[in-house]
Amino acid sequence: SSDNDTDIEEALDLIGQSSVDGIYIVDSYGAIYPEQ
């Protein structure tokens, strides 16, 4: 919730190119609303 869209997209693209099986959305601060 504290990261900007550009950084998130770059991170997801980097992770996607790895051998990882899954990627988690983590709302560490309990700050995200359902629409978000």
PDB file of all heavy atoms in Angstrom:
ATOM      1  N   SER A   1       0.811  -1.224   0.000  1.00  0.00           N
ATOM      2  CA  SER A   1       0.000   0.000   0.000  1.00  0.00           C
ATOM      3  C   SER A   1       0.841   1.270   0.000  1.00  0.00           C
ATOM      4  O   SER A   1       0.332   2.355  -0.280  1.00  0.00           O
ATOM      5  CB  SER A   1      -0.938   0.009   1.212  1.00  0.00           C
ATOM      6  OG  SER A   1      -0.192  -0.044   2.424  1.00  0.00           O
ATOM      7  N   SER A   2       2.136   1.153   0.310  1.00  0.00           N
ATOM      8  CA  SER A   2       3.005   2.328   0.340  1.00  0.00           C
ATOM      9  C   SER A   2       3.857   2.465  -0.921  1.00  0.00           C
ATOM     10  O   SER A   2       4.694   3.365  -1.015  1.00  0.00           O
ATOM     11  CB  SER A   2       3.921   2.279   1.572  1.00  0.00           C
ATOM     12  OG  SER A   2       4.779   1.154   1.509  1.00  0.00           O
ATOM     13  N   ASP A   3       3.633   1.588  -1.907  1.00  0.00           N
ATOM     14  CA  ASP A   3       4.436   1.600  -3.128  1.00  0.00           C
ATOM     15  C   ASP A   3       3.651   2.209  -4.289  1.00  0.00           C
ATOM     16  O   ASP A   3       2.419   2.131  -4.332  1.00  0.00           O
ATOM     17  CB  ASP A   3       4.876   0.181  -3.495  1.00  0.00           C
ATOM     18  CG  ASP A   3       5.799  -0.437  -2.456  1.00  0.00           C
ATOM     19  OD1 ASP A   3       6.677   0.281  -1.951  1.00  0.00           O
ATOM     20  OD2 ASP A   3       5.607  -1.621  -2.127  1.00  0.00           O
ATOM     21  N   ASN A   4       4.369   2.808  -5.234  1.00  0.00           N
ATOM     22  CA  ASN A   4       3.690   3.418  -6.380  1.00  0.00           C
ATOM     23  C   ASN A   4       3.514   2.408  -7.513  1.00  0.00           C
ATOM     24  O   ASN A   4       4.188   1.372  -7.572  1.00  0.00           O
ATOM     25  CB  ASN A   4       4.436   4.672  -6.873  1.00  0.00           C
ATOM     26  CG  ASN A   4       5.817   4.372  -7.414  1.00  0.00           C
ATOM     27  OD1 ASN A   4       5.967   3.591  -8.356  1.00  0.00           O
ATOM     28  ND2 ASN A   4       6.846   4.979  -6.830  1.00  0.00           N
ATOM     29  N   ASP A   5       2.604   2.720  -8.420  1.00  0.00           N
ATOM     30  CA  ASP A   5       2.224   1.780  -9.479  1.00  0.00           C
ATOM     31  C   ASP A   5       3.400   1.387 -10.363  1.00  0.00           C
ATOM     32  O   ASP A   5       3.546   0.221 -10.748  1.00  0.00           O
ATOM     33  CB  ASP A   5       1.118   2.383 -10.346  1.00  0.00           C
ATOM     34  CG  ASP A   5      -0.239   2.342  -9.671  1.00  0.00           C
ATOM     35  OD1 ASP A   5      -0.371   1.607  -8.672  1.00  0.00           O
ATOM     36  OD2 ASP A   5      -1.158   3.035 -10.138  1.00  0.00           O
ATOM     37  N   THR A   6       4.252   2.354 -10.693  1.00  0.00           N
ATOM     38  CA  THR A   6       5.381   2.057 -11.575  1.00  0.00           C
ATOM     39  C   THR A   6       6.326   1.041 -10.949  1.00  0.00           C
ATOM     40  O   THR A   6       6.764   0.084 -11.598  1.00  0.00           O
ATOM     41  CB  THR A   6       6.148   3.351 -11.911  1.00  0.00           C
ATOM     42  OG1 THR A   6       5.257   4.266 -12.549  1.00  0.00           O
ATOM     43  CG2 THR A   6       7.324   3.056 -12.827  1.00  0.00           C
ATOM     44  N   ASP A   7       6.632   1.249  -9.651  1.00  0.00           N
ATOM     45  CA  ASP A   7       7.520   0.312  -8.957  1.00  0.00           C
ATOM     46  C   ASP A   7       6.883  -1.066  -8.833  1.00  0.00           C
ATOM     47  O   ASP A   7       7.565  -2.094  -8.982  1.00  0.00           O
ATOM     48  CB  ASP A   7       7.871   0.851  -7.568  1.00  0.00           C
ATOM     49  CG  ASP A   7       8.845   2.019  -7.619  1.00  0.00           C
ATOM     50  OD1 ASP A   7       9.444   2.248  -8.688  1.00  0.00           O
ATOM     51  OD2 ASP A   7       8.992   2.718  -6.598  1.00  0.00           O
ATOM     52  N   ILE A   8       5.590  -1.100  -8.550  1.00  0.00           N
ATOM     53  CA  ILE A   8       4.895  -2.382  -8.427  1.00  0.00           C
ATOM     54  C   ILE A   8       4.950  -3.148  -9.743  1.00  0.00           C
ATOM     55  O   ILE A   8       5.257  -4.348  -9.778  1.00  0.00           O
ATOM     56  CB  ILE A   8       3.430  -2.181  -7.980  1.00  0.00           C
ATOM     57  CG1 ILE A   8       3.371  -1.614  -6.561  1.00  0.00           C
ATOM     58  CG2 ILE A   8       2.661  -3.501  -8.061  1.00  0.00           C
ATOM     59  CD1 ILE A   8       1.983  -1.168  -6.134  1.00  0.00           C
ATOM     60  N   GLU A   9       4.684  -2.469 -10.838  1.00  0.00           N
ATOM     61  CA  GLU A   9       4.686  -3.135 -12.142  1.00  0.00           C
ATOM     62  C   GLU A   9       6.079  -3.638 -12.508  1.00  0.00           C
ATOM     63  O   GLU A   9       6.229  -4.750 -13.035  1.00  0.00           O
ATOM     64  CB  GLU A   9       4.152  -2.170 -13.203  1.00  0.00           C
ATOM     65  CG  GLU A   9       2.654  -1.912 -13.062  1.00  0.00           C
ATOM     66  CD  GLU A   9       2.168  -0.793 -13.955  1.00  0.00           C
ATOM     67  OE1 GLU A   9       2.977  -0.289 -14.777  1.00  0.00           O
ATOM     68  OE2 GLU A   9       0.979  -0.419 -13.853  1.00  0.00           O
ATOM     69  N   GLU A  10       7.100  -2.845 -12.218  1.00  0.00           N
ATOM     70  CA  GLU A  10       8.466  -3.291 -12.500  1.00  0.00           C
ATOM     71  C   GLU A  10       8.817  -4.514 -11.647  1.00  0.00           C
ATOM     72  O   GLU A  10       9.434  -5.473 -12.135  1.00  0.00           O
ATOM     73  CB  GLU A  10       9.458  -2.164 -12.230  1.00  0.00           C
ATOM     74  CG  GLU A  10      10.899  -2.535 -12.572  1.00  0.00           C
ATOM     75  CD  GLU A  10      11.881  -1.399 -12.377  1.00  0.00           C
ATOM     76  OE1 GLU A  10      11.450  -0.269 -12.084  1.00  0.00           O
ATOM     77  OE2 GLU A  10      13.101  -1.649 -12.510  1.00  0.00           O
ATOM     78  N   ALA A  11       8.420  -4.463 -10.368  1.00  0.00           N
ATOM     79  CA  ALA A  11       8.693  -5.593  -9.475  1.00  0.00           C
ATOM     80  C   ALA A  11       7.985  -6.855  -9.952  1.00  0.00           C
ATOM     81  O   ALA A  11       8.575  -7.948  -9.982  1.00  0.00           O
ATOM     82  CB  ALA A  11       8.250  -5.251  -8.050  1.00  0.00           C
ATOM     83  N   LEU A  12       6.720  -6.732 -10.348  1.00  0.00           N
ATOM     84  CA  LEU A  12       5.964  -7.897 -10.802  1.00  0.00           C
ATOM     85  C   LEU A  12       6.558  -8.481 -12.080  1.00  0.00           C
ATOM     86  O   LEU A  12       6.574  -9.707 -12.271  1.00  0.00           O
ATOM     87  CB  LEU A  12       4.498  -7.519 -11.026  1.00  0.00           C
ATOM     88  CG  LEU A  12       3.706  -7.173  -9.759  1.00  0.00           C
ATOM     89  CD1 LEU A  12       2.312  -6.669 -10.131  1.00  0.00           C
ATOM     90  CD2 LEU A  12       3.608  -8.372  -8.833  1.00  0.00           C
ATOM     91  N   ASP A  13       7.065  -7.619 -12.950  1.00  0.00           N
ATOM     92  CA  ASP A  13       7.683  -8.116 -14.171  1.00  0.00           C
ATOM     93  C   ASP A  13       8.977  -8.867 -13.873  1.00  0.00           C
ATOM     94  O   ASP A  13       9.245  -9.930 -14.452  1.00  0.00           O
ATOM     95  CB  ASP A  13       7.948  -6.956 -15.124  1.00  0.00           C
ATOM     96  CG  ASP A  13       8.087  -7.414 -16.570  1.00  0.00           C
ATOM     97  OD1 ASP A  13       7.214  -8.162 -17.043  1.00  0.00           O
ATOM     98  OD2 ASP A  13       9.083  -7.044 -17.207  1.00  0.00           O
ATOM     99  N   LEU A  14       9.787  -8.329 -12.945  1.00  0.00           N
ATOM    100  CA  LEU A  14      11.019  -9.015 -12.547  1.00  0.00           C
ATOM    101  C   LEU A  14      10.711 -10.364 -11.899  1.00  0.00           C
ATOM    102  O   LEU A  14      11.339 -11.385 -12.221  1.00  0.00           O
ATOM    103  CB  LEU A  14      11.808  -8.141 -11.566  1.00  0.00           C
ATOM    104  CG  LEU A  14      12.573  -6.960 -12.146  1.00  0.00           C
ATOM    105  CD1 LEU A  14      13.098  -6.075 -11.010  1.00  0.00           C
ATOM    106  CD2 LEU A  14      13.721  -7.436 -13.024  1.00  0.00           C
ATOM    107  N   ILE A  15       9.742 -10.375 -10.993  1.00  0.00           N
ATOM    108  CA  ILE A  15       9.371 -11.614 -10.307  1.00  0.00           C
ATOM    109  C   ILE A  15       8.824 -12.624 -11.304  1.00  0.00           C
ATOM    110  O   ILE A  15       9.127 -13.825 -11.235  1.00  0.00           O
ATOM    111  CB  ILE A  15       8.338 -11.324  -9.197  1.00  0.00           C
ATOM    112  CG1 ILE A  15       8.979 -10.487  -8.082  1.00  0.00           C
ATOM    113  CG2 ILE A  15       7.770 -12.623  -8.635  1.00  0.00           C
ATOM    114  CD1 ILE A  15       7.978  -9.923  -7.091  1.00  0.00           C
ATOM    115  N   GLY A  16       8.033 -12.134 -12.250  1.00  0.00           N
ATOM    116  CA  GLY A  16       7.443 -13.027 -13.239  1.00  0.00           C
ATOM    117  C   GLY A  16       8.473 -13.785 -14.050  1.00  0.00           C
ATOM    118  O   GLY A  16       8.239 -14.926 -14.469  1.00  0.00           O
ATOM    119  N   GLN A  17       9.636 -13.171 -14.258  1.00  0.00           N
ATOM    120  CA  GLN A  17      10.686 -13.804 -15.043  1.00  0.00           C
ATOM    121  C   GLN A  17      11.488 -14.834 -14.240  1.00  0.00           C
ATOM    122  O   GLN A  17      12.324 -15.541 -14.804  1.00  0.00           O
ATOM    123  CB  GLN A  17      11.633 -12.732 -15.585  1.00  0.00           C
ATOM    124  CG  GLN A  17      10.979 -11.779 -16.563  1.00  0.00           C
ATOM    125  CD  GLN A  17      11.873 -10.615 -16.932  1.00  0.00           C
ATOM    126  OE1 GLN A  17      13.011 -10.828 -17.374  1.00  0.00           O
ATOM    127  NE2 GLN A  17      11.392  -9.402 -16.749  1.00  0.00           N
ATOM    128  N   SER A  18      11.224 -14.919 -12.934  1.00  0.00           N
ATOM    129  CA  SER A  18      11.932 -15.864 -12.074  1.00  0.00           C
ATOM    130  C   SER A  18      11.244 -17.230 -12.089  1.00  0.00           C
ATOM    131  O   SER A  18      10.214 -17.419 -12.744  1.00  0.00           O
ATOM    132  CB  SER A  18      11.987 -15.332 -10.637  1.00  0.00           C
ATOM    133  OG  SER A  18      10.738 -15.500  -9.990  1.00  0.00           O
ATOM    134  N   SER A  19      11.786 -18.147 -11.286  1.00  0.00           N
ATOM    135  CA  SER A  19      11.209 -19.496 -11.192  1.00  0.00           C
ATOM    136  C   SER A  19      10.102 -19.597 -10.153  1.00  0.00           C
ATOM    137  O   SER A  19       9.599 -20.696  -9.895  1.00  0.00           O
ATOM    138  CB  SER A  19      12.324 -20.503 -10.833  1.00  0.00           C
ATOM    139  OG  SER A  19      13.329 -20.525 -11.809  1.00  0.00           O
ATOM    140  N   VAL A  20       9.712 -18.493  -9.548  1.00  0.00           N
ATOM    141  CA  VAL A  20       8.716 -18.522  -8.479  1.00  0.00           C
ATOM    142  C   VAL A  20       7.394 -19.086  -8.996  1.00  0.00           C
ATOM    143  O   VAL A  20       7.031 -18.910 -10.162  1.00  0.00           O
ATOM    144  CB  VAL A  20       8.526 -17.105  -7.878  1.00  0.00           C
ATOM    145  CG1 VAL A  20       7.630 -16.238  -8.767  1.00  0.00           C
ATOM    146  CG2 VAL A  20       7.966 -17.173  -6.465  1.00  0.00           C
ATOM    147  N   ASP A  21       6.666 -19.763  -8.116  1.00  0.00           N
ATOM    148  CA  ASP A  21       5.370 -20.329  -8.508  1.00  0.00           C
ATOM    149  C   ASP A  21       4.224 -19.335  -8.342  1.00  0.00           C
ATOM    150  O   ASP A  21       3.270 -19.355  -9.120  1.00  0.00           O
ATOM    151  CB  ASP A  21       5.071 -21.574  -7.657  1.00  0.00           C
ATOM    152  CG  ASP A  21       6.066 -22.686  -7.908  1.00  0.00           C
ATOM    153  OD1 ASP A  21       6.081 -23.212  -9.031  1.00  0.00           O
ATOM    154  OD2 ASP A  21       6.846 -23.014  -6.992  1.00  0.00           O
ATOM    155  N   GLY A  22       4.310 -18.489  -7.305  1.00  0.00           N
ATOM    156  CA  GLY A  22       3.206 -17.583  -7.038  1.00  0.00           C
ATOM    157  C   GLY A  22       3.663 -16.256  -6.446  1.00  0.00           C
ATOM    158  O   GLY A  22       4.744 -16.161  -5.860  1.00  0.00           O
ATOM    159  N   ILE A  23       2.826 -15.237  -6.603  1.00  0.00           N
ATOM    160  CA  ILE A  23       3.121 -13.891  -6.131  1.00  0.00           C
ATOM    161  C   ILE A  23       1.977 -13.450  -5.222  1.00  0.00           C
ATOM    162  O   ILE A  23       0.803 -13.594  -5.581  1.00  0.00           O
ATOM    163  CB  ILE A  23       3.261 -12.896  -7.290  1.00  0.00           C
ATOM    164  CG1 ILE A  23       4.123 -13.473  -8.412  1.00  0.00           C
ATOM    165  CG2 ILE A  23       3.826 -11.569  -6.799  1.00  0.00           C
ATOM    166  CD1 ILE A  23       4.056 -12.685  -9.718  1.00  0.00           C
ATOM    167  N   TYR A  24       2.325 -12.909  -4.052  1.00  0.00           N
ATOM    168  CA  TYR A  24       1.324 -12.540  -3.057  1.00  0.00           C
ATOM    169  C   TYR A  24       1.113 -11.035  -2.948  1.00  0.00           C
ATOM    170  O   TYR A  24       2.079 -10.260  -2.884  1.00  0.00           O
ATOM    171  CB  TYR A  24       1.755 -13.058  -1.683  1.00  0.00           C
ATOM    172  CG  TYR A  24       1.034 -14.315  -1.239  1.00  0.00           C
ATOM    173  CD1 TYR A  24       1.402 -15.549  -1.734  1.00  0.00           C
ATOM    174  CD2 TYR A  24      -0.020 -14.249  -0.328  1.00  0.00           C
ATOM    175  CE1 TYR A  24       0.758 -16.707  -1.322  1.00  0.00           C
ATOM    176  CE2 TYR A  24      -0.675 -15.392   0.089  1.00  0.00           C
ATOM    177  CZ  TYR A  24      -0.283 -16.622  -0.415  1.00  0.00           C
ATOM    178  OH  TYR A  24      -0.932 -17.757  -0.004  1.00  0.00           O
ATOM    179  N   ILE A  25      -0.147 -10.639  -2.886  1.00  0.00           N
ATOM    180  CA  ILE A  25      -0.531  -9.291  -2.470  1.00  0.00           C
ATOM    181  C   ILE A  25      -0.529  -9.296  -0.940  1.00  0.00           C
ATOM    182  O   ILE A  25      -1.225 -10.103  -0.323  1.00  0.00           O
ATOM    183  CB  ILE A  25      -1.946  -8.928  -2.956  1.00  0.00           C
ATOM    184  CG1 ILE A  25      -2.067  -9.103  -4.472  1.00  0.00           C
ATOM    185  CG2 ILE A  25      -2.314  -7.510  -2.529  1.00  0.00           C
ATOM    186  CD1 ILE A  25      -3.505  -9.045  -4.971  1.00  0.00           C
ATOM    187  N   VAL A  26       0.231  -8.390  -0.321  1.00  0.00           N
ATOM    188  CA  VAL A  26       0.311  -8.345   1.142  1.00  0.00           C
ATOM    189  C   VAL A  26      -0.069  -6.947   1.628  1.00  0.00           C
ATOM    190  O   VAL A  26       0.649  -5.977   1.390  1.00  0.00           O
ATOM    191  CB  VAL A  26       1.723  -8.713   1.645  1.00  0.00           C
ATOM    192  CG1 VAL A  26       1.730  -8.774   3.180  1.00  0.00           C
ATOM    193  CG2 VAL A  26       2.174 -10.045   1.054  1.00  0.00           C
ATOM    194  N   ASP A  27      -1.202  -6.866   2.310  1.00  0.00           N
ATOM    195  CA  ASP A  27      -1.653  -5.596   2.883  1.00  0.00           C
ATOM    196  C   ASP A  27      -1.140  -5.489   4.316  1.00  0.00           C
ATOM    197  O   ASP A  27      -1.892  -5.642   5.279  1.00  0.00           O
ATOM    198  CB  ASP A  27      -3.181  -5.516   2.829  1.00  0.00           C
ATOM    199  CG  ASP A  27      -3.715  -4.177   3.339  1.00  0.00           C
ATOM    200  OD1 ASP A  27      -2.926  -3.220   3.449  1.00  0.00           O
ATOM    201  OD2 ASP A  27      -4.926  -4.116   3.634  1.00  0.00           O
ATOM    202  N   SER A  28       0.150  -5.246   4.458  1.00  0.00           N
ATOM    203  CA  SER A  28       0.807  -5.282   5.766  1.00  0.00           C
ATOM    204  C   SER A  28       0.205  -4.295   6.755  1.00  0.00           C
ATOM    205  O   SER A  28       0.187  -4.550   7.967  1.00  0.00           O
ATOM    206  CB  SER A  28       2.301  -4.977   5.613  1.00  0.00           C
ATOM    207  OG  SER A  28       2.919  -5.880   4.743  1.00  0.00           O
ATOM    208  N   TYR A  29      -0.251  -3.157   6.267  1.00  0.00           N
ATOM    209  CA  TYR A  29      -0.727  -2.094   7.151  1.00  0.00           C
ATOM    210  C   TYR A  29      -2.247  -2.102   7.325  1.00  0.00           C
ATOM    211  O   TYR A  29      -2.793  -1.270   8.053  1.00  0.00           O
ATOM    212  CB  TYR A  29      -0.302  -0.724   6.621  1.00  0.00           C
ATOM    213  CG  TYR A  29       1.194  -0.530   6.511  1.00  0.00           C
ATOM    214  CD1 TYR A  29       1.718   0.524   5.772  1.00  0.00           C
ATOM    215  CD2 TYR A  29       2.100  -1.395   7.129  1.00  0.00           C
ATOM    216  CE1 TYR A  29       3.095   0.712   5.665  1.00  0.00           C
ATOM    217  CE2 TYR A  29       3.466  -1.221   7.020  1.00  0.00           C
ATOM    218  CZ  TYR A  29       3.956  -0.156   6.279  1.00  0.00           C
ATOM    219  OH  TYR A  29       5.305   0.026   6.174  1.00  0.00           O
ATOM    220  N   GLY A  30      -2.928  -3.030   6.652  1.00  0.00           N
ATOM    221  CA  GLY A  30      -4.391  -3.039   6.732  1.00  0.00           C
ATOM    222  C   GLY A  30      -4.981  -1.737   6.222  1.00  0.00           C
ATOM    223  O   GLY A  30      -5.981  -1.240   6.747  1.00  0.00           O
ATOM    224  N   ALA A  31      -4.367  -1.195   5.161  1.00  0.00           N
ATOM    225  CA  ALA A  31      -4.731   0.130   4.662  1.00  0.00           C
ATOM    226  C   ALA A  31      -5.541   0.094   3.367  1.00  0.00           C
ATOM    227  O   ALA A  31      -6.076   1.116   2.939  1.00  0.00           O
ATOM    228  CB  ALA A  31      -3.466   0.964   4.437  1.00  0.00           C
ATOM    229  N   ILE A  32      -5.617  -1.076   2.750  1.00  0.00           N
ATOM    230  CA  ILE A  32      -6.231  -1.180   1.428  1.00  0.00           C
ATOM    231  C   ILE A  32      -7.735  -1.402   1.554  1.00  0.00           C
ATOM    232  O   ILE A  32      -8.198  -2.190   2.387  1.00  0.00           O
ATOM    233  CB  ILE A  32      -5.574  -2.325   0.637  1.00  0.00           C
ATOM    234  CG1 ILE A  32      -4.092  -2.011   0.385  1.00  0.00           C
ATOM    235  CG2 ILE A  32      -6.291  -2.568  -0.685  1.00  0.00           C
ATOM    236  CD1 ILE A  32      -3.308  -3.150  -0.240  1.00  0.00           C
ATOM    237  N   TYR A  33      -8.496  -0.697   0.688  1.00  0.00           N
ATOM    238  CA  TYR A  33      -9.951  -0.848   0.637  1.00  0.00           C
ATOM    239  C   TYR A  33     -10.331  -1.770  -0.529  1.00  0.00           C
ATOM    240  O   TYR A  33      -9.545  -1.940  -1.469  1.00  0.00           O
ATOM    241  CB  TYR A  33     -10.618   0.520   0.475  1.00  0.00           C
ATOM    242  CG  TYR A  33     -10.380   1.433   1.651  1.00  0.00           C
ATOM    243  CD1 TYR A  33      -9.387   2.402   1.613  1.00  0.00           C
ATOM    244  CD2 TYR A  33     -11.135   1.299   2.825  1.00  0.00           C
ATOM    245  CE1 TYR A  33      -9.154   3.234   2.695  1.00  0.00           C
ATOM    246  CE2 TYR A  33     -10.912   2.127   3.922  1.00  0.00           C
ATOM    247  CZ  TYR A  33      -9.919   3.088   3.852  1.00  0.00           C
ATOM    248  OH  TYR A  33      -9.688   3.902   4.938  1.00  0.00           O
ATOM    249  N   PRO A  34     -11.522  -2.364  -0.475  1.00  0.00           N
ATOM    250  CA  PRO A  34     -11.894  -3.334  -1.506  1.00  0.00           C
ATOM    251  C   PRO A  34     -11.779  -2.823  -2.935  1.00  0.00           C
ATOM    252  O   PRO A  34     -11.339  -3.569  -3.823  1.00  0.00           O
ATOM    253  CB  PRO A  34     -13.343  -3.678  -1.136  1.00  0.00           C
ATOM    254  CG  PRO A  34     -13.363  -3.553   0.359  1.00  0.00           C
ATOM    255  CD  PRO A  34     -12.494  -2.356   0.645  1.00  0.00           C
ATOM    256  N   GLU A  35     -12.150  -1.573  -3.187  1.00  0.00           N
ATOM    257  CA  GLU A  35     -12.027  -1.034  -4.547  1.00  0.00           C
ATOM    258  C   GLU A  35     -10.564  -1.031  -4.993  1.00  0.00           C
ATOM    259  O   GLU A  35     -10.245  -1.371  -6.142  1.00  0.00           O
ATOM    260  CB  GLU A  35     -12.589   0.381  -4.604  1.00  0.00           C
ATOM    261  CG  GLU A  35     -12.533   0.975  -6.013  1.00  0.00           C
ATOM    262  CD  GLU A  35     -13.128   2.370  -6.087  1.00  0.00           C
ATOM    263  OE1 GLU A  35     -13.587   2.892  -5.048  1.00  0.00           O
ATOM    264  OE2 GLU A  35     -13.131   2.935  -7.189  1.00  0.00           O
ATOM    265  N   GLN A  36      -9.660  -0.664  -4.075  1.00  0.00           N
ATOM    266  CA  GLN A  36      -8.230  -0.697  -4.390  1.00  0.00           C
ATOM    267  C   GLN A  36      -7.743  -2.132  -4.572  1.00  0.00           C
ATOM    268  O   GLN A  36      -6.882  -2.406  -5.421  1.00  0.00           O
ATOM    269  CB  GLN A  36      -7.440  -0.012  -3.274  1.00  0.00           C
ATOM    270  CG  GLN A  36      -7.740   1.471  -3.105  1.00  0.00           C
ATOM    271  CD  GLN A  36      -7.130   2.027  -1.829  1.00  0.00           C
ATOM    272  OE1 GLN A  36      -7.376   1.505  -0.740  1.00  0.00           O
ATOM    273  NE2 GLN A  36      -6.322   3.069  -1.968  1.00  0.00           N
TER     274      GLN A  36
END
